[in-house]
């Protein structure tokens, strides 16, 4: 069975709170996710400070013309992310430019995994139809996955509903990072395609991303430890 790790989402505008959550991740051996909310609110000096000495999943979901995305990635070297994200809907030329930017600008032993975001976990069939994509979420994910992997991504960000199909189709050739994780009987918030940690592990996720179920709980460290237990074979 695929080994599954836990990534703690640091989604806050408050640096002190982010550091508090990151220290919980330190105690339980997790990677942390730094996304747009923290980055835009606190700035890149704060991102570099929070990232120092930690494994970081930098989830900025870059999506622009190839040259702009490549330049943005070149600017991330000082953060030393373990993984970073781009939107696969940017197309193969953008993805190839992102791949080249990593290979050219990052030291060999510090190259982050390039992850392609497929279909957001907040998107369902109705949402896809509203943007003129008349496919199921799974069909759209598989189409984008094939293109993105051919163009040079190391892995994919997908919802729990697609991870088993992707794992079966690509076996161990792709890293799968899975948000949309919720505990049993927990609120779904704005997520629509969700799954428990244990089921995501069994489906073949390499990493699961969990934020609010941990950070908004009465005892975040205890909840993180309980989730880690669910990820064991």
C-alpha atoms as a PDB file:
ATOM      1  CA  UNK A   1       0.000   0.000   0.000  1.00  0.00           C
ATOM      2  CA  UNK A   2       1.162   3.555  -0.761  1.00  0.00           C
ATOM      3  CA  UNK A   3       2.768   5.416   2.159  1.00  0.00           C
ATOM      4  CA  UNK A   4       0.689   8.482   3.031  1.00  0.00           C
ATOM      5  CA  UNK A   5       1.958  11.599   4.782  1.00  0.00           C
ATOM      6  CA  UNK A   6       0.044  14.442   6.410  1.00  0.00           C
ATOM      7  CA  UNK A   7       0.382  18.080   5.332  1.00  0.00           C
ATOM      8  CA  UNK A   8      -0.985  20.700   7.734  1.00  0.00           C
ATOM      9  CA  UNK A   9      -2.574  23.633   5.903  1.00  0.00           C
ATOM     10  CA  UNK A  10      -1.467  26.948   7.419  1.00  0.00           C
ATOM     11  CA  UNK A  11      -4.399  29.028   6.199  1.00  0.00           C
ATOM     12  CA  UNK A  12      -4.440  32.243   8.217  1.00  0.00           C
ATOM     13  CA  UNK A  13      -3.585  35.927   7.832  1.00  0.00           C
ATOM     14  CA  UNK A  14      -1.971  36.009  11.284  1.00  0.00           C
ATOM     15  CA  UNK A  15       1.771  35.250  11.376  1.00  0.00           C
ATOM     16  CA  UNK A  16       1.851  34.404  15.084  1.00  0.00           C
ATOM     17  CA  UNK A  17      -1.015  31.937  14.670  1.00  0.00           C
ATOM     18  CA  UNK A  18       0.698  30.442  11.626  1.00  0.00           C
ATOM     19  CA  UNK A  19       3.871  29.904  13.650  1.00  0.00           C
ATOM     20  CA  UNK A  20       1.837  28.304  16.431  1.00  0.00           C
ATOM     21  CA  UNK A  21       0.255  25.870  13.975  1.00  0.00           C
ATOM     22  CA  UNK A  22       3.602  25.189  12.298  1.00  0.00           C
ATOM     23  CA  UNK A  23       5.064  24.226  15.661  1.00  0.00           C
ATOM     24  CA  UNK A  24       2.279  21.667  16.049  1.00  0.00           C
ATOM     25  CA  UNK A  25       3.345  20.271  12.684  1.00  0.00           C
ATOM     26  CA  UNK A  26       6.951  20.186  13.935  1.00  0.00           C
ATOM     27  CA  UNK A  27       5.950  18.086  16.940  1.00  0.00           C
ATOM     28  CA  UNK A  28       4.057  15.559  14.846  1.00  0.00           C
ATOM     29  CA  UNK A  29       6.510  15.443  11.922  1.00  0.00           C
ATOM     30  CA  UNK A  30       4.246  16.979   9.293  1.00  0.00           C
ATOM     31  CA  UNK A  31       4.912  19.030   6.215  1.00  0.00           C
ATOM     32  CA  UNK A  32       3.167  22.413   6.205  1.00  0.00           C
ATOM     33  CA  UNK A  33       1.181  23.975   3.390  1.00  0.00           C
ATOM     34  CA  UNK A  34       1.615  27.678   2.773  1.00  0.00           C
ATOM     35  CA  UNK A  35      -1.042  28.993   0.437  1.00  0.00           C
ATOM     36  CA  UNK A  36      -2.384  32.211  -0.986  1.00  0.00           C
ATOM     37  CA  UNK A  37      -4.121  33.478   2.159  1.00  0.00           C
ATOM     38  CA  UNK A  38      -0.966  33.577   4.263  1.00  0.00           C
ATOM     39  CA  UNK A  39       1.302  34.665   1.394  1.00  0.00           C
ATOM     40  CA  UNK A  40      -0.845  37.588   0.300  1.00  0.00           C
ATOM     41  CA  UNK A  41      -1.539  38.764   3.872  1.00  0.00           C
ATOM     42  CA  UNK A  42       1.941  38.402   5.338  1.00  0.00           C
ATOM     43  CA  UNK A  43       4.270  38.709   2.339  1.00  0.00           C
ATOM     44  CA  UNK A  44       7.235  36.705   1.111  1.00  0.00           C
ATOM     45  CA  UNK A  45       9.574  37.663   3.945  1.00  0.00           C
ATOM     46  CA  UNK A  46       7.077  35.994   6.271  1.00  0.00           C
ATOM     47  CA  UNK A  47       6.814  32.985   3.944  1.00  0.00           C
ATOM     48  CA  UNK A  48      10.598  32.562   3.991  1.00  0.00           C
ATOM     49  CA  UNK A  49      10.669  32.943   7.777  1.00  0.00           C
ATOM     50  CA  UNK A  50       7.887  30.406   8.342  1.00  0.00           C
ATOM     51  CA  UNK A  51       9.446  27.991   5.837  1.00  0.00           C
ATOM     52  CA  UNK A  52      12.938  28.087   7.355  1.00  0.00           C
ATOM     53  CA  UNK A  53      13.963  24.637   8.551  1.00  0.00           C
ATOM     54  CA  UNK A  54      10.648  23.081   7.556  1.00  0.00           C
ATOM     55  CA  UNK A  55       9.308  20.977   4.700  1.00  0.00           C
ATOM     56  CA  UNK A  56       6.927  23.231   2.808  1.00  0.00           C
ATOM     57  CA  UNK A  57       4.211  22.583   0.257  1.00  0.00           C
ATOM     58  CA  UNK A  58       3.953  25.997  -1.423  1.00  0.00           C
ATOM     59  CA  UNK A  59       0.440  26.036  -2.826  1.00  0.00           C
ATOM     60  CA  UNK A  60       0.159  29.220  -4.909  1.00  0.00           C
ATOM     61  CA  UNK A  61      -1.504  27.521  -7.896  1.00  0.00           C
ATOM     62  CA  UNK A  62       0.384  29.508 -10.521  1.00  0.00           C
ATOM     63  CA  UNK A  63      -1.592  30.060 -13.714  1.00  0.00           C
ATOM     64  CA  UNK A  64      -0.495  32.584 -16.336  1.00  0.00           C
ATOM     65  CA  UNK A  65       1.395  32.789 -19.610  1.00  0.00           C
ATOM     66  CA  UNK A  66       4.478  30.511 -19.712  1.00  0.00           C
ATOM     67  CA  UNK A  67       7.078  33.249 -19.258  1.00  0.00           C
ATOM     68  CA  UNK A  68       5.295  34.749 -16.256  1.00  0.00           C
ATOM     69  CA  UNK A  69       4.934  31.397 -14.513  1.00  0.00           C
ATOM     70  CA  UNK A  70       8.572  30.543 -15.207  1.00  0.00           C
ATOM     71  CA  UNK A  71       9.708  33.890 -13.774  1.00  0.00           C
ATOM     72  CA  UNK A  72       7.517  33.412 -10.708  1.00  0.00           C
ATOM     73  CA  UNK A  73       9.012  29.974 -10.048  1.00  0.00           C
ATOM     74  CA  UNK A  74      12.536  31.358 -10.402  1.00  0.00           C
ATOM     75  CA  UNK A  75      11.622  33.838  -7.646  1.00  0.00           C
ATOM     76  CA  UNK A  76      10.741  31.005  -5.236  1.00  0.00           C
ATOM     77  CA  UNK A  77      14.244  29.559  -4.879  1.00  0.00           C
ATOM     78  CA  UNK A  78      14.826  31.328  -1.551  1.00  0.00           C
ATOM     79  CA  UNK A  79      11.724  29.676  -0.047  1.00  0.00           C
ATOM     80  CA  UNK A  80      13.174  26.195  -0.756  1.00  0.00           C
ATOM     81  CA  UNK A  81       9.764  24.507  -1.115  1.00  0.00           C
ATOM     82  CA  UNK A  82       9.555  20.734  -1.167  1.00  0.00           C
ATOM     83  CA  UNK A  83       6.556  20.947  -3.518  1.00  0.00           C
ATOM     84  CA  UNK A  84       4.821  23.727  -5.440  1.00  0.00           C
ATOM     85  CA  UNK A  85       1.656  23.942  -7.514  1.00  0.00           C
ATOM     86  CA  UNK A  86       0.579  25.171 -10.920  1.00  0.00           C
ATOM     87  CA  UNK A  87      -2.832  24.907 -12.587  1.00  0.00           C
ATOM     88  CA  UNK A  88      -2.893  22.273 -15.322  1.00  0.00           C
ATOM     89  CA  UNK A  89      -5.472  24.356 -17.199  1.00  0.00           C
ATOM     90  CA  UNK A  90      -2.571  26.655 -18.049  1.00  0.00           C
ATOM     91  CA  UNK A  91      -1.721  24.122 -20.742  1.00  0.00           C
ATOM     92  CA  UNK A  92       1.310  22.161 -21.836  1.00  0.00           C
ATOM     93  CA  UNK A  93       3.474  25.144 -22.814  1.00  0.00           C
ATOM     94  CA  UNK A  94       3.013  26.725 -19.405  1.00  0.00           C
ATOM     95  CA  UNK A  95       3.766  23.426 -17.686  1.00  0.00           C
ATOM     96  CA  UNK A  96       6.912  22.890 -19.778  1.00  0.00           C
ATOM     97  CA  UNK A  97       8.060  26.404 -18.880  1.00  0.00           C
ATOM     98  CA  UNK A  98       7.475  25.663 -15.193  1.00  0.00           C
ATOM     99  CA  UNK A  99       9.440  22.432 -15.460  1.00  0.00           C
ATOM    100  CA  UNK A 100      12.358  24.199 -17.123  1.00  0.00           C
ATOM    101  CA  UNK A 101      12.300  26.982 -14.523  1.00  0.00           C
ATOM    102  CA  UNK A 102      12.717  24.436 -11.730  1.00  0.00           C
ATOM    103  CA  UNK A 103      15.449  22.523 -13.533  1.00  0.00           C
ATOM    104  CA  UNK A 104      17.426  25.665 -14.392  1.00  0.00           C
ATOM    105  CA  UNK A 105      17.047  27.723 -11.213  1.00  0.00           C
ATOM    106  CA  UNK A 106      16.974  25.291  -8.291  1.00  0.00           C
ATOM    107  CA  UNK A 107      20.068  23.446  -7.045  1.00  0.00           C
ATOM    108  CA  UNK A 108      19.992  19.754  -7.867  1.00  0.00           C
ATOM    109  CA  UNK A 109      19.374  18.724  -4.250  1.00  0.00           C
ATOM    110  CA  UNK A 110      16.652  21.354  -3.711  1.00  0.00           C
ATOM    111  CA  UNK A 111      14.366  20.863  -6.688  1.00  0.00           C
ATOM    112  CA  UNK A 112      10.742  20.923  -5.532  1.00  0.00           C
ATOM    113  CA  UNK A 113       8.193  18.486  -6.873  1.00  0.00           C
ATOM    114  CA  UNK A 114       6.085  20.210  -9.522  1.00  0.00           C
ATOM    115  CA  UNK A 115       2.427  19.420  -8.881  1.00  0.00           C
ATOM    116  CA  UNK A 116      -0.405  20.075 -11.319  1.00  0.00           C
ATOM    117  CA  UNK A 117      -3.766  21.093  -9.866  1.00  0.00           C
ATOM    118  CA  UNK A 118      -6.492  19.314 -11.831  1.00  0.00           C
ATOM    119  CA  UNK A 119     -10.073  20.044 -10.706  1.00  0.00           C
ATOM    120  CA  UNK A 120     -10.561  21.941  -7.448  1.00  0.00           C
ATOM    121  CA  UNK A 121     -12.306  20.010  -4.665  1.00  0.00           C
ATOM    122  CA  UNK A 122     -14.955  22.757  -4.528  1.00  0.00           C
ATOM    123  CA  UNK A 123     -15.979  21.930  -8.119  1.00  0.00           C
ATOM    124  CA  UNK A 124     -18.717  19.424  -8.881  1.00  0.00           C
ATOM    125  CA  UNK A 125     -20.550  18.504 -12.077  1.00  0.00           C
ATOM    126  CA  UNK A 126     -22.757  21.588 -11.959  1.00  0.00           C
ATOM    127  CA  UNK A 127     -19.762  23.883 -11.505  1.00  0.00           C
ATOM    128  CA  UNK A 128     -17.925  22.288 -14.418  1.00  0.00           C
ATOM    129  CA  UNK A 129     -20.962  22.695 -16.650  1.00  0.00           C
ATOM    130  CA  UNK A 130     -21.214  26.365 -15.672  1.00  0.00           C
ATOM    131  CA  UNK A 131     -17.772  27.011 -17.198  1.00  0.00           C
ATOM    132  CA  UNK A 132     -18.651  25.043 -20.336  1.00  0.00           C
ATOM    133  CA  UNK A 133     -16.811  21.870 -19.350  1.00  0.00           C
ATOM    134  CA  UNK A 134     -19.322  19.143 -20.147  1.00  0.00           C
ATOM    135  CA  UNK A 135     -17.443  16.242 -18.631  1.00  0.00           C
ATOM    136  CA  UNK A 136     -17.587  14.558 -15.258  1.00  0.00           C
ATOM    137  CA  UNK A 137     -14.981  15.659 -12.696  1.00  0.00           C
ATOM    138  CA  UNK A 138     -13.214  12.309 -13.127  1.00  0.00           C
ATOM    139  CA  UNK A 139     -13.098  12.619 -16.924  1.00  0.00           C
ATOM    140  CA  UNK A 140     -11.708  16.142 -16.644  1.00  0.00           C
ATOM    141  CA  UNK A 141      -9.107  15.092 -14.089  1.00  0.00           C
ATOM    142  CA  UNK A 142      -7.902  12.188 -16.227  1.00  0.00           C
ATOM    143  CA  UNK A 143      -7.661  14.368 -19.328  1.00  0.00           C
ATOM    144  CA  UNK A 144      -5.670  17.056 -17.533  1.00  0.00           C
ATOM    145  CA  UNK A 145      -3.514  14.463 -15.770  1.00  0.00           C
ATOM    146  CA  UNK A 146      -2.323  12.856 -18.988  1.00  0.00           C
ATOM    147  CA  UNK A 147      -1.445  16.186 -20.583  1.00  0.00           C
ATOM    148  CA  UNK A 148       0.298  17.498 -17.469  1.00  0.00           C
ATOM    149  CA  UNK A 149       2.389  14.400 -16.888  1.00  0.00           C
ATOM    150  CA  UNK A 150       3.512  14.388 -20.519  1.00  0.00           C
ATOM    151  CA  UNK A 151       4.504  18.052 -20.124  1.00  0.00           C
ATOM    152  CA  UNK A 152       6.661  17.430 -17.061  1.00  0.00           C
ATOM    153  CA  UNK A 153       4.822  17.549 -13.738  1.00  0.00           C
ATOM    154  CA  UNK A 154       5.981  15.189 -11.002  1.00  0.00           C
ATOM    155  CA  UNK A 155       2.550  14.751  -9.510  1.00  0.00           C
ATOM    156  CA  UNK A 156      -1.026  15.905  -9.293  1.00  0.00           C
ATOM    157  CA  UNK A 157      -3.376  17.544  -6.845  1.00  0.00           C
ATOM    158  CA  UNK A 158      -6.751  15.828  -7.068  1.00  0.00           C
ATOM    159  CA  UNK A 159      -9.819  15.221  -4.962  1.00  0.00           C
ATOM    160  CA  UNK A 160     -10.261  12.000  -2.962  1.00  0.00           C
ATOM    161  CA  UNK A 161     -12.812  10.804  -5.509  1.00  0.00           C
ATOM    162  CA  UNK A 162     -10.208  10.539  -8.279  1.00  0.00           C
ATOM    163  CA  UNK A 163      -7.182   9.273  -6.373  1.00  0.00           C
ATOM    164  CA  UNK A 164      -7.973   5.547  -6.661  1.00  0.00           C
ATOM    165  CA  UNK A 165      -8.455   5.755 -10.433  1.00  0.00           C
ATOM    166  CA  UNK A 166      -5.263   7.780 -10.893  1.00  0.00           C
ATOM    167  CA  UNK A 167      -3.276   5.382  -8.707  1.00  0.00           C
ATOM    168  CA  UNK A 168      -4.565   2.358 -10.598  1.00  0.00           C
ATOM    169  CA  UNK A 169      -3.872   3.949 -13.996  1.00  0.00           C
ATOM    170  CA  UNK A 170      -0.441   5.447 -13.248  1.00  0.00           C
ATOM    171  CA  UNK A 171       0.628   3.040 -10.463  1.00  0.00           C
ATOM    172  CA  UNK A 172       3.662   4.475  -8.628  1.00  0.00           C
ATOM    173  CA  UNK A 173       4.703   6.793 -11.478  1.00  0.00           C
ATOM    174  CA  UNK A 174       2.903   9.826 -10.039  1.00  0.00           C
ATOM    175  CA  UNK A 175       2.809  11.643  -6.697  1.00  0.00           C
ATOM    176  CA  UNK A 176      -0.783  12.264  -5.597  1.00  0.00           C
ATOM    177  CA  UNK A 177      -1.556  15.078  -3.153  1.00  0.00           C
ATOM    178  CA  UNK A 178      -5.128  15.055  -1.919  1.00  0.00           C
ATOM    179  CA  UNK A 179      -7.022  17.923  -0.230  1.00  0.00           C
ATOM    180  CA  UNK A 180     -10.716  17.710   0.644  1.00  0.00           C
ATOM    181  CA  UNK A 181     -10.036  15.536   3.680  1.00  0.00           C
ATOM    182  CA  UNK A 182     -12.590  15.555   6.472  1.00  0.00           C
ATOM    183  CA  UNK A 183     -12.967  13.498   9.627  1.00  0.00           C
ATOM    184  CA  UNK A 184     -15.975  11.271  10.248  1.00  0.00           C
ATOM    185  CA  UNK A 185     -19.136  13.315  10.852  1.00  0.00           C
ATOM    186  CA  UNK A 186     -17.261  16.616  10.424  1.00  0.00           C
ATOM    187  CA  UNK A 187     -18.492  19.697   8.552  1.00  0.00           C
ATOM    188  CA  UNK A 188     -17.615  19.706   4.852  1.00  0.00           C
ATOM    189  CA  UNK A 189     -17.162  23.524   4.784  1.00  0.00           C
ATOM    190  CA  UNK A 190     -16.751  24.565   1.113  1.00  0.00           C
ATOM    191  CA  UNK A 191     -15.455  21.172  -0.026  1.00  0.00           C
ATOM    192  CA  UNK A 192     -17.715  18.990  -2.176  1.00  0.00           C
ATOM    193  CA  UNK A 193     -15.641  15.941  -3.143  1.00  0.00           C
ATOM    194  CA  UNK A 194     -14.322  14.716   0.197  1.00  0.00           C
ATOM    195  CA  UNK A 195     -13.070  11.604   2.025  1.00  0.00           C
ATOM    196  CA  UNK A 196     -11.741  10.546   5.441  1.00  0.00           C
ATOM    197  CA  UNK A 197      -7.956  10.225   5.983  1.00  0.00           C
ATOM    198  CA  UNK A 198      -8.080   6.431   6.241  1.00  0.00           C
ATOM    199  CA  UNK A 199     -10.005   6.022   2.987  1.00  0.00           C
ATOM    200  CA  UNK A 200      -7.704   8.441   1.137  1.00  0.00           C
ATOM    201  CA  UNK A 201      -4.734   6.400   2.355  1.00  0.00           C
ATOM    202  CA  UNK A 202      -6.301   3.155   1.152  1.00  0.00           C
ATOM    203  CA  UNK A 203      -7.103   4.785  -2.204  1.00  0.00           C
ATOM    204  CA  UNK A 204      -3.433   5.557  -2.795  1.00  0.00           C
ATOM    205  CA  UNK A 205      -2.734   9.151  -1.729  1.00  0.00           C
ATOM    206  CA  UNK A 206       0.931   9.986  -1.153  1.00  0.00           C
ATOM    207  CA  UNK A 207      -0.029  13.044   0.853  1.00  0.00           C
ATOM    208  CA  UNK A 208      -3.269  14.352   2.324  1.00  0.00           C
ATOM    209  CA  UNK A 209      -3.790  18.045   3.093  1.00  0.00           C
ATOM    210  CA  UNK A 210      -5.762  18.857   6.232  1.00  0.00           C
ATOM    211  CA  UNK A 211      -6.418  22.320   7.628  1.00  0.00           C
ATOM    212  CA  UNK A 212      -9.571  23.292   9.490  1.00  0.00           C
ATOM    213  CA  UNK A 213     -10.330  19.850  10.993  1.00  0.00           C
ATOM    214  CA  UNK A 214      -6.997  20.205  12.842  1.00  0.00           C
ATOM    215  CA  UNK A 215      -6.516  23.931  13.331  1.00  0.00           C
ATOM    216  CA  UNK A 216     -10.092  24.660  14.423  1.00  0.00           C
ATOM    217  CA  UNK A 217     -10.265  21.760  16.851  1.00  0.00           C
ATOM    218  CA  UNK A 218      -9.995  22.068  20.630  1.00  0.00           C
ATOM    219  CA  UNK A 219      -6.726  20.079  20.615  1.00  0.00           C
ATOM    220  CA  UNK A 220      -4.943  20.407  17.249  1.00  0.00           C
ATOM    221  CA  UNK A 221      -1.961  18.267  18.204  1.00  0.00           C
ATOM    222  CA  UNK A 222      -4.170  15.409  19.362  1.00  0.00           C
ATOM    223  CA  UNK A 223      -6.258  15.528  16.167  1.00  0.00           C
ATOM    224  CA  UNK A 224      -3.095  15.569  14.032  1.00  0.00           C
ATOM    225  CA  UNK A 225      -1.767  12.530  15.885  1.00  0.00           C
ATOM    226  CA  UNK A 226      -5.091  10.716  15.436  1.00  0.00           C
ATOM    227  CA  UNK A 227      -5.004  11.388  11.688  1.00  0.00           C
ATOM    228  CA  UNK A 228      -1.430  10.131  11.449  1.00  0.00           C
ATOM    229  CA  UNK A 229      -2.557   6.907  13.141  1.00  0.00           C
ATOM    230  CA  UNK A 230      -5.238   6.494  10.465  1.00  0.00           C
ATOM    231  CA  UNK A 231      -2.550   6.681   7.766  1.00  0.00           C
ATOM    232  CA  UNK A 232      -0.727   3.600   9.010  1.00  0.00           C
ATOM    233  CA  UNK A 233      -1.146   0.291   7.158  1.00  0.00           C
END
